[in-house]
Amino acid sequence: MQVSPEMQLPPEIRAALEKIDFINRYKNISAKYDFDEEFDYDNDKALRIFTELGYPARYDKRENFFQIVEEYPPFQFKFNISLRYALLEFIWAVWKNGELLIGDPWNWLKQLLDGTDERFRAAGFRNYDDLREVLKEAFDMYEDFKRGCCWKPLILNNYIPRATHIALFLFWHLFQIAGKPRRNILWRRKDMYHCLLVT
C-alpha cells in the first residue's frame, strides 16, 4: 500500500506505536477474541464497566460510540470505542498544542505503520466478561501509547539536577519491576512537561 506524504504518521506517533509493539498486540487481541456471536448489551452496563476499569466514558448517542478524553499538556488524547454488533472498533485521536496528529481506527493506524493492506478482524464479545477482558487489554495498550507519546527522558532536561535524574531513574525502574503502572500523571518543572508513571 502506497501512502501519500500527507497521510503518513507523524514521527512521534510512529515511534510510540513501534515502541509498544502495536501491530502484534492488536493482532493478538483480534485473534483471541474472534467471536461471531451477537450480544444484546446495555449501554449503562457498558458504561459501568468503563468506570470500574478506571475510565469514566461518555456515550455519544448520535454517533453510537463511547468516548474517553484525557489532557496531558501539551497533548490531548481521545479514545473512541464502538460496540456495535458486539464488535469493538477502537479509534485513537491525538492533538499536540491544538494540532491534530492522528484520528484513526486501529486498522488504519496498522496500515499506515506497516504499509500493507492486511486488516485484522474487530474483536468480539459474547458477554460482559468478554467485554471487560477486551477493554482491559485495549486500555493497557492505550496507557503504553500515551506514555510513548509524551515521555521525554528526564536526563535530557538541564533544569533538573543530576541527583534528581538518578533518583527518578531508580523510581522508574522500581515501578517497572513492581508491575505495570496504571496511569500517567503530569510532572511540570520550570514550564517543561514530562509524563511520569505512578501506580
Foldseek 3Di string as FASTA:
>chain_A
DDDDPVRAADPLLLQLCVVLVVVVLQQVLLVVQVDQDFDDDDPVVLQVLCVVLPFRWDADPVVQWTWGWDDQPQKIKIWIWHCPRQFIWIWIWMDGNNHTRDTGISQVVVCSNPVDNDGGGTGGDHDVVRVSVSVNSVLLSVQSSVQSNFADQPVPPPQDDPVVSVVLVVVQVVDVVVDDFSHWDWDADPNDIHIDTDD
